[in-house]
């Protein structure tokens, strides 16, 4: 049976076909749909969970793999940083069952802080990596990854990128799925308890094993050579870049097209044979010049007289996504290779409209930011942001995010500013999901080190930015069970925060009064802004603007809600966007915003 599915869905179906027993992860674009797809298909006997963060997800999966089970962990490339601590150790210790880590890279970046190359992490951790170029390959490679993981007792990294994760293809799927049977954990402290001596011994074994895997990869089915094998020109590529280059070179065979789907351990035997007789090789890949460096090393090691071009000589850009047009330009202009995909002249094309990301109409975060901003008028304040929808509070006219580093850093950075700015009120903003993922430690640190700061937890009862996944504060999990909610206010009090207020952000007067009161107090204070995400609830009837409007545009200039529009320079409300939150009505100086269902 075939189904038309997203690339992430293909990975999910491949994992099910491989007999996966446990799947854990933390949501992050572009990887989130993998676990969600598994939840939609028959998966009896498979444990599914959204873990509180990527570190926890990997550690849960490691235990399953120690037991002989097949475990899959999903995350985006930034999450691999969080999971790197257990990753480095389990690479030394090894596994019994298959352990596959799917870390989806985000070239661009489209929805991430950095353009991070997962192949570097595989090399750093000394574990094999598979680099699919299509959903079909991703489905096949996740199954191969489990086989290699068990064959060599190692965790394996699968590194899809955004355009593979979110592309669609018809995938052959079995009629039913059955988890792998496993024997369970066998106690052996000499194997499973990591100590320096064990690490020293295992490091040597790991490096020797990787040489063997590299030879194995030299005959791997997705490492291929196409085109004229006698041509003196070759193109080396991988991942989705292979698909772009192949489209450019279709129906012509004047160059060798070499695809390397297993970047680490590098398949040297395959590369040497594929490059035999070539005089020039162009490496086209996204993000870092990883393959280019490996080709240079291989050329030096085996004495290949070949010119290597790519990112290191400026032929290929270091940053951003690859695409067909860019690949064609590189092949045409720099390598002298004729392609069927000529560069399109866009000189006469109108510029694309600027569409910056903004908070949704009726988003409660807008009300929270606005109230804090009003409370701090005339006072020195620093507003430390975090990763989530509320990062968009940086946009004008709110302008309420002074810093954004990584998940959980808003809380700890506010402490650093507090310790160095005695005359400034320091705020740390964090979402409810991020609070559980990486915020609690920062709060404990603040209490322990007596920081003067105000913590603002923006609790909209979901993981909104990545697709509304559940978390410990929502009262349900990925197994479909109703569970006890973890109370954020209770957690804060439990770790020693004495002043904790739980407030509806639309109660602007109470929020402003509370913020001003807390700004006068020493120590750690916390406000939990509780209001559900507007994307998950039925909106109220939209507001209207009466003839009393003086067209001062204060509503637009103060909060920037997308539902507030101008028509012929007259302020209006788009009824298709307005959720009836009422924030603008409280701002209007002449009380012109209301309607038949609103005062």
Protein backbone atom coordinates (compact mmCIF):
# COMPACT_ATOMS: atom_id res chain seq x y z
CA UNK A 1 0.00 0.00 0.00
CA UNK A 2 1.26 3.50 -0.85
CA UNK A 3 0.50 6.70 0.98
CA UNK A 4 1.32 10.29 0.07
CA UNK A 5 3.08 11.61 3.14
CA UNK A 6 5.40 14.36 4.33
CA UNK A 7 9.09 13.56 4.70
CA UNK A 8 8.70 13.46 8.47
CA UNK A 9 5.82 11.06 7.98
CA UNK A 10 8.07 8.91 5.81
CA UNK A 11 10.62 8.76 8.64
CA UNK A 12 7.85 7.80 11.05
CA UNK A 13 6.57 5.03 8.78
CA UNK A 14 10.11 3.80 8.24
CA UNK A 15 10.61 3.57 12.00
CA UNK A 16 7.37 1.64 12.42
CA UNK A 17 8.37 -0.69 9.59
CA UNK A 18 11.69 -1.24 11.38
CA UNK A 19 9.84 -2.44 14.49
CA UNK A 20 10.56 0.54 16.72
CA UNK A 21 9.62 -0.06 20.37
CA UNK A 22 10.02 3.41 21.89
CA UNK A 23 9.89 6.90 20.40
CA UNK A 24 10.76 10.02 22.38
CA UNK A 25 11.59 13.58 21.45
CA UNK A 26 11.02 17.28 21.93
CA UNK A 27 9.11 19.32 19.33
CA UNK A 28 11.17 21.53 17.07
CA UNK A 29 10.65 22.61 13.49
CA UNK A 30 11.38 20.93 11.12
CA UNK A 31 11.17 17.60 13.01
CA UNK A 32 7.90 17.79 14.97
CA UNK A 33 5.65 15.76 12.67
CA UNK A 34 7.60 12.51 13.10
CA UNK A 35 6.13 11.62 16.50
CA UNK A 36 2.75 13.08 15.55
CA UNK A 37 2.61 10.79 12.50
CA UNK A 38 3.43 7.69 14.53
CA UNK A 39 0.60 8.62 16.89
CA UNK A 40 -1.85 8.62 13.96
CA UNK A 41 -0.96 5.15 12.69
CA UNK A 42 -1.49 1.80 14.46
CA UNK A 43 1.37 1.59 16.96
CA UNK A 44 0.25 -0.86 19.61
CA UNK A 45 3.16 -1.81 21.81
CA UNK A 46 5.14 1.33 20.96
CA UNK A 47 5.73 3.83 23.75
CA UNK A 48 5.42 7.44 22.53
CA UNK A 49 6.35 10.53 24.49
CA UNK A 50 7.06 14.19 24.18
CA UNK A 51 9.85 14.48 26.72
CA UNK A 52 10.48 17.68 28.66
CA UNK A 53 13.60 18.34 26.57
CA UNK A 54 15.97 16.62 24.17
CA UNK A 55 18.41 15.48 26.86
CA UNK A 56 15.64 13.67 28.70
CA UNK A 57 14.34 12.20 25.43
CA UNK A 58 17.73 10.74 24.51
CA UNK A 59 18.34 9.33 27.99
CA UNK A 60 14.95 7.60 27.96
CA UNK A 61 15.77 6.11 24.55
CA UNK A 62 19.26 5.04 25.64
CA UNK A 63 17.79 2.92 28.45
CA UNK A 64 15.45 1.26 25.96
CA UNK A 65 18.37 0.54 23.62
CA UNK A 66 20.39 -0.90 26.55
CA UNK A 67 17.48 -3.30 26.99
CA UNK A 68 17.72 -4.52 23.42
CA UNK A 69 14.72 -2.51 22.19
CA UNK A 70 14.72 -0.31 19.12
CA UNK A 71 14.44 3.36 20.08
CA UNK A 72 13.99 6.51 18.00
CA UNK A 73 14.66 10.05 19.27
CA UNK A 74 13.53 13.16 17.37
CA UNK A 75 14.65 16.78 17.61
CA UNK A 76 15.88 19.71 15.53
CA UNK A 77 19.52 20.68 15.21
CA UNK A 78 19.42 23.10 18.17
CA UNK A 79 18.05 20.29 20.31
CA UNK A 80 21.08 18.18 19.53
CA UNK A 81 23.08 20.72 21.55
CA UNK A 82 20.85 19.96 24.55
CA UNK A 83 21.20 16.21 24.00
CA UNK A 84 24.95 16.31 23.39
CA UNK A 85 25.88 15.33 26.96
CA UNK A 86 24.31 11.86 26.86
CA UNK A 87 25.14 11.55 23.15
CA UNK A 88 28.89 11.79 23.72
CA UNK A 89 28.78 9.22 26.51
CA UNK A 90 26.52 6.67 24.83
CA UNK A 91 28.78 6.83 21.77
CA UNK A 92 31.55 5.44 23.99
CA UNK A 93 29.39 2.93 25.85
CA UNK A 94 27.40 1.62 22.90
CA UNK A 95 23.96 -0.03 22.80
CA UNK A 96 22.34 -3.45 22.43
CA UNK A 97 19.19 -2.54 20.56
CA UNK A 98 19.01 -0.04 17.73
CA UNK A 99 19.25 3.64 18.72
CA UNK A 100 18.52 6.17 15.97
CA UNK A 101 18.68 9.90 16.64
CA UNK A 102 16.82 12.02 14.09
CA UNK A 103 18.20 15.55 14.21
CA UNK A 104 16.61 17.69 11.50
CA UNK A 105 18.85 20.49 10.24
CA UNK A 106 17.38 23.84 9.23
CA UNK A 107 19.47 25.51 6.51
CA UNK A 108 18.42 29.07 5.93
CA UNK A 109 17.82 29.19 8.82
CA UNK A 110 14.05 29.21 8.40
CA UNK A 111 12.95 28.76 12.02
CA UNK A 112 16.12 28.49 14.08
CA UNK A 113 18.76 30.59 15.77
CA UNK A 114 21.66 29.07 13.83
CA UNK A 115 22.52 27.08 10.71
CA UNK A 116 24.00 24.02 12.38
CA UNK A 117 25.37 21.03 10.49
CA UNK A 118 24.52 17.71 12.14
CA UNK A 119 27.27 15.94 10.22
CA UNK A 120 29.75 17.79 12.42
CA UNK A 121 28.05 16.38 15.51
CA UNK A 122 28.25 12.85 14.13
CA UNK A 123 31.97 13.35 13.52
CA UNK A 124 32.39 14.94 16.96
CA UNK A 125 30.58 12.07 18.70
CA UNK A 126 32.22 9.52 16.34
CA UNK A 127 28.92 7.93 15.32
CA UNK A 128 27.58 7.07 11.84
CA UNK A 129 25.35 9.55 10.02
CA UNK A 130 22.87 9.07 7.17
CA UNK A 131 22.00 12.04 4.92
CA UNK A 132 18.77 11.45 2.93
CA UNK A 133 17.97 13.47 -0.19
CA UNK A 134 14.22 12.69 -0.39
CA UNK A 135 11.32 11.39 1.72
CA UNK A 136 11.65 7.99 0.04
CA UNK A 137 15.31 7.77 1.02
CA UNK A 138 14.54 9.00 4.53
CA UNK A 139 12.03 6.16 4.95
CA UNK A 140 14.58 3.61 3.76
CA UNK A 141 17.52 5.10 5.65
CA UNK A 142 15.84 5.08 9.05
CA UNK A 143 15.37 1.34 8.60
CA UNK A 144 19.00 0.96 7.49
CA UNK A 145 20.09 3.08 10.45
CA UNK A 146 18.51 0.63 12.89
CA UNK A 147 20.33 -2.24 11.16
CA UNK A 148 23.68 -0.49 11.34
CA UNK A 149 23.07 0.56 14.94
CA UNK A 150 22.56 -3.04 16.02
CA UNK A 151 25.30 -4.40 13.76
CA UNK A 152 27.93 -2.11 15.28
CA UNK A 153 26.31 -1.52 18.72
CA UNK A 154 26.33 2.24 18.21
CA UNK A 155 23.88 5.11 18.18
CA UNK A 156 23.27 6.36 14.63
CA UNK A 157 22.34 9.87 13.48
CA UNK A 158 19.79 10.48 10.72
CA UNK A 159 20.17 14.02 9.41
CA UNK A 160 17.26 15.16 7.21
CA UNK A 161 17.01 18.86 6.34
CA UNK A 162 13.96 21.10 6.14
CA UNK A 163 13.25 20.45 2.45
CA UNK A 164 13.37 16.69 3.00
CA UNK A 165 11.31 16.85 6.20
CA UNK A 166 8.56 18.94 4.60
CA UNK A 167 8.55 17.54 1.06
CA UNK A 168 5.87 15.02 0.09
CA UNK A 169 6.16 11.65 -1.64
CA UNK A 170 4.34 8.37 -2.12
CA UNK A 171 5.72 5.89 0.38
CA UNK A 172 5.27 2.14 0.28
CA UNK A 173 4.05 1.07 3.70
CA UNK A 174 3.24 -2.34 5.16
CA UNK A 175 -0.29 -3.36 6.08
CA UNK A 176 0.63 -3.75 9.75
CA UNK A 177 3.44 -2.96 12.14
CA UNK A 178 4.95 -5.03 14.92
CA UNK A 179 7.46 -3.74 17.48
CA UNK A 180 10.69 -5.70 17.80
CA UNK A 181 10.78 -8.25 20.60
CA UNK A 182 13.64 -7.76 23.05
CA UNK A 183 15.06 -9.59 26.05
CA UNK A 184 15.36 -6.72 28.50
CA UNK A 185 18.21 -5.15 30.41
CA UNK A 186 21.04 -7.41 31.52
CA UNK A 187 22.96 -6.11 34.51
CA UNK A 188 26.64 -5.57 33.72
CA UNK A 189 28.21 -2.61 35.57
CA UNK A 190 31.49 -3.16 33.75
CA UNK A 191 29.74 -2.35 30.48
CA UNK A 192 27.02 0.16 31.34
CA UNK A 193 28.64 2.28 34.08
CA UNK A 194 30.96 4.80 32.46
CA UNK A 195 34.30 5.42 34.19
CA UNK A 196 37.52 6.98 32.84
CA UNK A 197 39.23 3.61 32.36
CA UNK A 198 36.25 2.20 30.46
CA UNK A 199 36.09 5.35 28.32
CA UNK A 200 39.79 5.07 27.50
CA UNK A 201 39.40 1.48 26.33
CA UNK A 202 36.15 2.08 24.47
CA UNK A 203 37.53 5.12 22.66
CA UNK A 204 40.14 2.93 21.00
CA UNK A 205 37.51 0.36 20.06
CA UNK A 206 35.23 3.07 18.71
CA UNK A 207 37.88 4.46 16.36
CA UNK A 208 38.79 1.00 15.10
CA UNK A 209 35.11 0.22 14.55
CA UNK A 210 34.62 3.41 12.55
CA UNK A 211 37.28 2.32 10.05
CA UNK A 212 35.25 -0.86 9.55
CA UNK A 213 32.00 1.10 9.18
CA UNK A 214 33.68 3.37 6.61
CA UNK A 215 34.56 0.30 4.54
CA UNK A 216 31.00 -0.98 4.98
CA UNK A 217 29.60 2.36 3.83
CA UNK A 218 31.71 2.17 0.66
CA UNK A 219 29.24 -0.39 -0.65
CA UNK A 220 26.12 1.29 0.78
CA UNK A 221 23.30 1.44 -1.77
CA UNK A 222 22.78 5.21 -1.57
CA UNK A 223 26.43 6.05 -2.21
CA UNK A 224 26.30 6.25 -6.00
CA UNK A 225 28.12 7.41 -9.14
CA UNK A 226 26.10 8.59 -12.14
CA UNK A 227 26.98 10.12 -15.50
CA UNK A 228 30.28 9.76 -17.35
CA UNK A 229 32.63 7.80 -15.11
CA UNK A 230 35.53 8.75 -17.42
CA UNK A 231 34.94 12.51 -17.26
CA UNK A 232 37.74 14.59 -15.76
CA UNK A 233 35.10 16.69 -13.99
CA UNK A 234 33.06 15.45 -11.04
CA UNK A 235 30.44 16.85 -8.73
CA UNK A 236 30.25 15.53 -5.18
CA UNK A 237 27.04 16.21 -3.28
CA UNK A 238 24.69 14.86 -0.61
CA UNK A 239 21.29 15.29 0.96
CA UNK A 240 18.73 17.46 -0.79
CA UNK A 241 21.57 19.17 -2.71
CA UNK A 242 21.91 15.92 -4.66
CA UNK A 243 18.30 16.28 -5.84
CA UNK A 244 18.95 19.86 -6.99
CA UNK A 245 22.14 18.97 -8.85
CA UNK A 246 20.55 15.91 -10.43
CA UNK A 247 17.70 18.06 -11.75
CA UNK A 248 20.25 20.43 -13.28
CA UNK A 249 22.21 17.61 -14.91
CA UNK A 250 19.40 15.35 -16.11
CA UNK A 251 19.66 14.02 -19.67
CA UNK A 252 23.37 14.86 -19.92
CA UNK A 253 26.34 12.76 -18.90
CA UNK A 254 29.32 15.05 -19.37
CA UNK A 255 30.28 14.93 -15.67
CA UNK A 256 30.35 12.38 -12.88
CA UNK A 257 27.69 12.93 -10.27
CA UNK A 258 28.90 11.40 -7.00
CA UNK A 259 26.49 11.15 -4.12
CA UNK A 260 27.76 10.47 -0.59
CA UNK A 261 24.84 9.62 1.68
CA UNK A 262 26.99 8.56 4.66
CA UNK A 263 29.27 11.47 5.48
CA UNK A 264 30.74 9.83 8.61
CA UNK A 265 32.56 7.51 8.82
CA UNK A 266 33.63 8.72 5.40
CA UNK A 267 33.52 5.94 2.76
CA UNK A 268 37.09 6.40 1.56
CA UNK A 269 37.22 3.30 -0.64
CA UNK A 270 34.10 4.43 -2.49
CA UNK A 271 35.37 8.01 -2.87
CA UNK A 272 38.79 6.96 -4.21
CA UNK A 273 37.22 4.67 -6.79
CA UNK A 274 34.55 7.24 -7.75
CA UNK A 275 37.19 9.97 -8.27
CA UNK A 276 39.66 7.84 -10.22
CA UNK A 277 40.94 9.82 -13.21
CA UNK A 278 39.09 13.02 -12.27
CA UNK A 279 41.05 16.26 -12.43
CA UNK A 280 38.52 18.63 -10.87
CA UNK A 281 35.75 18.07 -8.34
CA UNK A 282 33.07 20.52 -7.30
CA UNK A 283 31.46 19.94 -3.88
CA UNK A 284 27.89 21.20 -3.62
CA UNK A 285 26.43 20.83 -0.13
CA UNK A 286 24.45 22.82 2.41
CA UNK A 287 25.95 24.49 5.47
CA UNK A 288 29.52 23.45 6.28
CA UNK A 289 32.13 22.23 3.75
CA UNK A 290 32.14 18.81 5.35
CA UNK A 291 32.32 16.66 2.22
CA UNK A 292 34.77 19.10 0.68
CA UNK A 293 37.12 18.68 3.64
CA UNK A 294 36.79 14.90 3.49
CA UNK A 295 37.60 14.91 -0.23
CA UNK A 296 40.67 17.07 0.44
CA UNK A 297 41.82 14.71 3.20
CA UNK A 298 41.24 11.68 1.00
CA UNK A 299 43.07 13.28 -1.92
CA UNK A 300 46.04 14.01 0.31
CA UNK A 301 46.03 10.56 1.91
CA UNK A 302 45.91 8.68 -1.40
CA UNK A 303 47.92 11.14 -3.51
CA UNK A 304 45.06 12.04 -5.83
CA UNK A 305 45.99 14.90 -8.20
CA UNK A 306 42.67 16.66 -8.19
CA UNK A 307 41.49 20.24 -7.79
CA UNK A 308 38.76 20.52 -5.17
CA UNK A 309 36.31 23.42 -5.36
CA UNK A 310 33.39 24.39 -3.14
CA UNK A 311 32.85 26.54 -0.10
CA UNK A 312 36.50 26.85 0.89
CA UNK A 313 37.42 28.72 -2.31
CA UNK A 314 34.18 30.71 -2.47
CA UNK A 315 32.62 28.77 -5.35
CA UNK A 316 29.69 27.70 -3.15
CA UNK A 317 28.23 29.97 -0.45
CA UNK A 318 28.67 28.95 3.17
CA UNK A 319 25.28 30.16 4.41
CA UNK A 320 21.68 29.62 3.42
CA UNK A 321 19.81 26.89 1.60
CA UNK A 322 20.82 25.35 -1.68
CA UNK A 323 18.19 25.30 -4.45
CA UNK A 324 17.95 24.36 -8.12
CA UNK A 325 18.56 27.88 -9.38
CA UNK A 326 21.63 28.36 -7.20
CA UNK A 327 22.98 24.93 -8.14
CA UNK A 328 22.51 25.78 -11.82
CA UNK A 329 24.30 29.11 -11.38
CA UNK A 330 27.24 27.42 -9.67
CA UNK A 331 27.47 24.70 -12.30
CA UNK A 332 27.12 27.17 -15.18
CA UNK A 333 29.31 30.04 -14.08
CA UNK A 334 32.00 28.48 -11.95
CA UNK A 335 32.45 24.90 -13.05
CA UNK A 336 31.84 25.41 -16.76
CA UNK A 337 29.23 22.67 -16.76
CA UNK A 338 26.29 23.07 -19.09
CA UNK A 339 22.95 22.44 -17.41
CA UNK A 340 19.38 22.28 -18.61
CA UNK A 341 18.39 24.63 -15.83
CA UNK A 342 19.49 28.06 -17.03
CA UNK A 343 19.49 30.91 -14.55
CA UNK A 344 16.23 32.87 -14.69
CA UNK A 345 16.54 36.62 -15.24
CA UNK A 346 14.58 38.23 -12.42
CA UNK A 347 15.72 41.79 -13.03
CA UNK A 348 12.21 42.94 -14.00
CA UNK A 349 10.42 41.01 -11.25
CA UNK A 350 8.76 43.11 -8.55
CA UNK A 351 10.23 42.74 -5.06
CA UNK A 352 8.56 40.25 -2.79
CA UNK A 353 6.39 41.81 -0.08
CA UNK A 354 7.99 42.06 3.34
CA UNK A 355 6.04 39.79 5.66
CA UNK A 356 7.77 39.68 9.04
CA UNK A 357 6.53 37.13 11.59
CA UNK A 358 4.13 38.62 14.11
CA UNK A 359 2.06 37.54 17.10
CA UNK A 360 -1.36 36.22 16.07
CA UNK A 361 -4.47 38.41 16.46
CA UNK A 362 -5.73 38.02 20.02
CA UNK A 363 -2.49 36.41 21.25
CA UNK A 364 -2.38 36.71 25.03
CA UNK A 365 1.39 37.32 24.87
CA UNK A 366 0.65 40.73 23.33
CA UNK A 367 -1.43 41.65 26.36
CA UNK A 368 1.29 40.43 28.74
CA UNK A 369 4.03 42.38 27.03
CA UNK A 370 1.92 45.51 26.76
CA UNK A 371 1.02 45.52 30.45
CA UNK A 372 4.63 45.05 31.54
CA UNK A 373 5.69 47.82 29.17
CA UNK A 374 3.11 50.19 30.63
CA UNK A 375 4.15 49.32 34.17
CA UNK A 376 7.81 50.06 33.42
CA UNK A 377 7.31 53.43 31.75
CA UNK A 378 9.85 55.86 33.14
CA UNK A 379 11.99 53.13 34.73
CA UNK A 380 15.14 51.43 33.50
CA UNK A 381 14.37 47.86 32.54
CA UNK A 382 15.88 45.01 30.53
CA UNK A 383 13.58 42.45 28.95
CA UNK A 384 15.23 39.08 28.31
CA UNK A 385 13.33 36.93 25.83
CA UNK A 386 13.40 33.25 25.01
CA UNK A 387 12.59 30.76 22.25
CA UNK A 388 8.92 30.49 21.30
CA UNK A 389 6.02 32.52 19.89
CA UNK A 390 6.76 35.23 22.41
CA UNK A 391 10.12 35.95 20.74
CA UNK A 392 7.93 37.91 18.34
CA UNK A 393 7.38 40.42 21.14
CA UNK A 394 10.53 42.04 19.76
CA UNK A 395 8.58 43.50 16.84
CA UNK A 396 7.44 47.09 16.84
CA UNK A 397 5.45 48.62 18.34
CA UNK A 398 5.76 46.28 21.35
CA UNK A 399 9.58 46.22 21.23
CA UNK A 400 9.73 44.06 24.36
CA UNK A 401 12.56 41.59 23.69
CA UNK A 402 16.06 42.93 24.31
CA UNK A 403 17.87 39.57 24.17
CA UNK A 404 17.20 36.09 22.84
CA UNK A 405 19.97 33.50 23.01
CA UNK A 406 18.67 29.96 23.44
CA UNK A 407 15.98 28.01 25.29
CA UNK A 408 15.89 28.91 28.97
CA UNK A 409 18.48 31.70 28.65
CA UNK A 410 15.94 34.47 29.23
CA UNK A 411 15.75 33.48 32.91
CA UNK A 412 19.48 33.15 33.50
CA UNK A 413 20.47 36.18 31.44
CA UNK A 414 18.10 38.33 33.46
CA UNK A 415 20.12 37.26 36.49
CA UNK A 416 23.40 38.26 34.83
CA UNK A 417 22.00 41.70 34.04
CA UNK A 418 20.61 42.02 37.56
CA UNK A 419 24.02 41.32 39.09
CA UNK A 420 25.62 44.00 36.88
CA UNK A 421 22.86 46.66 36.78
CA UNK A 422 21.82 47.70 40.28
CA UNK A 423 19.51 50.47 39.01
CA UNK A 424 17.62 48.35 36.47
CA UNK A 425 14.57 46.09 36.76
CA UNK A 426 15.44 42.85 34.98
CA UNK A 427 12.77 40.62 33.46
CA UNK A 428 13.05 37.06 32.17
CA UNK A 429 10.26 35.96 29.83
CA UNK A 430 9.63 32.26 29.19
CA UNK A 431 6.80 30.17 27.77
CA UNK A 432 5.16 27.32 29.62
CA UNK A 433 6.70 24.56 27.48
CA UNK A 434 10.14 26.18 27.61
CA UNK A 435 9.78 26.59 31.37
CA UNK A 436 9.54 22.80 31.71
CA UNK A 437 12.17 22.16 29.03
CA UNK A 438 14.96 24.35 30.33
CA UNK A 439 13.63 27.03 32.65
CA UNK A 440 13.36 25.39 36.06
CA UNK A 441 17.12 25.07 36.50
CA UNK A 442 17.51 28.79 35.86
CA UNK A 443 14.89 29.63 38.49
CA UNK A 444 16.71 27.49 41.07
CA UNK A 445 19.92 29.29 40.15
CA UNK A 446 18.23 32.66 40.65
CA UNK A 447 16.89 31.74 44.08
CA UNK A 448 20.19 30.21 45.20
CA UNK A 449 22.27 33.18 44.06
CA UNK A 450 19.82 35.84 45.31
CA UNK A 451 19.14 37.51 41.98
CA UNK A 452 16.84 40.52 41.79
CA UNK A 453 14.59 39.72 38.83
CA UNK A 454 10.99 39.32 37.75
CA UNK A 455 10.19 36.06 35.99
CA UNK A 456 7.28 36.24 33.54
CA UNK A 457 5.91 32.84 32.55
CA UNK A 458 3.67 33.21 29.49
CA UNK A 459 1.40 30.22 29.99
CA UNK A 460 -0.91 29.57 27.03
CA UNK A 461 -1.27 25.85 27.84
CA UNK A 462 0.45 24.49 24.75
CA UNK A 463 3.68 24.32 22.78
CA UNK A 464 2.35 26.80 20.28
CA UNK A 465 5.21 27.64 17.93
CA UNK A 466 5.93 24.04 16.86
CA UNK A 467 2.34 22.88 16.39
CA UNK A 468 0.54 22.78 19.75
CA UNK A 469 2.13 19.67 21.21
CA UNK A 470 1.24 18.74 24.82
CA UNK A 471 3.67 19.27 27.68
CA UNK A 472 3.68 18.51 31.45
CA UNK A 473 1.37 21.45 32.13
CA UNK A 474 -1.39 20.44 29.70
CA UNK A 475 -2.71 17.35 31.50
CA UNK A 476 -2.30 14.88 28.62
CA UNK A 477 0.54 12.99 26.96
CA UNK A 478 1.33 11.36 23.62
CA UNK A 479 0.02 7.99 24.75
CA UNK A 480 -3.43 9.57 24.90
CA UNK A 481 -3.58 9.44 28.68
CA UNK A 482 -5.04 12.11 30.93
CA UNK A 483 -2.35 12.88 33.49
CA UNK A 484 -1.89 15.21 36.43
CA UNK A 485 -0.93 18.70 35.37
CA UNK A 486 2.34 20.03 36.71
CA UNK A 487 1.41 23.35 38.32
CA UNK A 488 3.92 26.03 37.32
CA UNK A 489 3.09 28.27 40.29
CA UNK A 490 3.51 25.35 42.68
CA UNK A 491 6.87 24.48 41.12
CA UNK A 492 8.02 28.07 41.55
CA UNK A 493 7.01 28.11 45.18
CA UNK A 494 8.55 24.69 45.68
CA UNK A 495 11.98 25.89 44.55
CA UNK A 496 11.84 28.92 46.83
CA UNK A 497 10.19 31.77 44.92
CA UNK A 498 8.18 33.53 47.64
CA UNK A 499 6.27 36.07 45.53
CA UNK A 500 4.25 34.27 42.83
CA UNK A 501 1.20 35.78 41.14
CA UNK A 502 -1.09 34.00 38.67
CA UNK A 503 -2.89 36.58 36.53
CA UNK A 504 -5.05 36.82 33.43
CA UNK A 505 -2.99 39.07 31.11
CA UNK A 506 -6.13 40.82 29.91
CA UNK A 507 -6.65 42.15 33.43
CA UNK A 508 -4.36 45.01 32.56
CA UNK A 509 -4.86 47.06 35.71
CA UNK A 510 -3.98 44.11 37.98
CA UNK A 511 -0.94 43.17 35.89
CA UNK A 512 0.40 46.73 35.90
CA UNK A 513 -0.11 47.07 39.65
CA UNK A 514 1.57 43.71 40.32
CA UNK A 515 4.58 44.47 38.13
CA UNK A 516 5.08 47.85 39.81
CA UNK A 517 4.82 46.25 43.23
CA UNK A 518 7.29 43.47 42.37
CA UNK A 519 9.72 45.99 40.85
CA UNK A 520 10.15 47.49 44.34
CA UNK A 521 10.95 44.16 45.99
CA UNK A 522 14.27 42.37 46.28
CA UNK A 523 14.87 38.78 45.22
CA UNK A 524 13.14 36.56 42.69
CA UNK A 525 9.51 37.35 41.88
CA UNK A 526 7.33 35.54 39.38
CA UNK A 527 4.16 36.31 37.45
CA UNK A 528 2.40 33.49 35.62
CA UNK A 529 0.31 34.98 32.81
CA UNK A 530 -2.43 32.41 32.19
CA UNK A 531 -4.58 32.59 29.07
CA UNK A 532 -5.12 29.88 26.44
CA UNK A 533 -3.61 30.12 22.96
CA UNK A 534 -6.15 31.77 20.66
CA UNK A 535 -5.48 29.14 17.98
CA UNK A 536 -6.98 26.46 20.22
CA UNK A 537 -10.17 28.14 21.44
CA UNK A 538 -13.28 29.50 19.79
CA UNK A 539 -12.90 33.27 19.43
CA UNK A 540 -15.45 35.73 20.73
CA UNK A 541 -17.36 37.95 18.33
CA UNK A 542 -15.16 40.64 16.79
CA UNK A 543 -15.07 44.17 18.09
CA UNK A 544 -16.19 47.15 16.04
CA UNK A 545 -15.14 50.80 15.86
CA UNK A 546 -17.89 53.41 16.31
CA UNK A 547 -18.22 56.88 14.88
CA UNK A 548 -16.73 58.19 18.11
CA UNK A 549 -13.29 57.21 16.78
CA UNK A 550 -11.03 60.25 16.46
CA UNK A 551 -8.60 58.33 14.23
CA UNK A 552 -5.70 58.86 16.64
CA UNK A 553 -4.38 55.38 15.75
CA UNK A 554 -3.30 54.79 19.34
CA UNK A 555 -4.66 51.24 19.14
CA UNK A 556 -2.48 50.49 16.12
CA UNK A 557 0.59 52.32 17.33
CA UNK A 558 0.53 50.79 20.83
CA UNK A 559 -0.04 47.06 20.23
CA UNK A 560 0.26 46.36 16.49
CA UNK A 561 -2.50 43.74 16.33
CA UNK A 562 -2.95 42.44 12.74
CA UNK A 563 -6.75 42.78 13.11
CA UNK A 564 -6.37 46.56 13.39
CA UNK A 565 -6.23 47.96 9.86
CA UNK A 566 -6.48 51.25 8.02
CA UNK A 567 -8.72 51.93 5.03
CA UNK A 568 -8.26 55.30 3.37
CA UNK A 569 -6.33 56.29 6.51
CA UNK A 570 -9.37 55.42 8.67
CA UNK A 571 -8.86 52.89 11.47
CA UNK A 572 -10.91 49.73 11.22
CA UNK A 573 -11.10 46.19 12.56
CA UNK A 574 -10.93 43.20 10.22
CA UNK A 575 -13.76 40.94 11.44
CA UNK A 576 -12.06 37.92 9.86
CA UNK A 577 -9.01 38.39 12.08
CA UNK A 578 -10.38 39.85 15.30
CA UNK A 579 -10.77 37.29 18.09
CA UNK A 580 -12.64 39.59 20.45
CA UNK A 581 -9.88 39.70 23.06
CA UNK A 582 -10.67 43.34 23.88
CA UNK A 583 -7.12 44.58 24.44
CA UNK A 584 -7.54 47.41 21.95
CA UNK A 585 -10.81 48.52 23.60
CA UNK A 586 -8.97 49.21 26.84
CA UNK A 587 -6.40 51.32 24.99
CA UNK A 588 -8.81 53.57 23.06
CA UNK A 589 -8.82 57.04 24.74
CA UNK A 590 -12.38 57.82 23.63
CA UNK A 591 -13.89 54.34 24.17
CA UNK A 592 -14.81 54.00 20.50
CA UNK A 593 -14.07 50.28 20.28
CA UNK A 594 -16.90 47.93 21.22
CA UNK A 595 -20.00 46.73 19.39
CA UNK A 596 -23.35 45.14 20.08
CA UNK A 597 -21.75 42.24 21.97
CA UNK A 598 -19.18 44.35 23.79
CA UNK A 599 -19.42 47.34 26.09
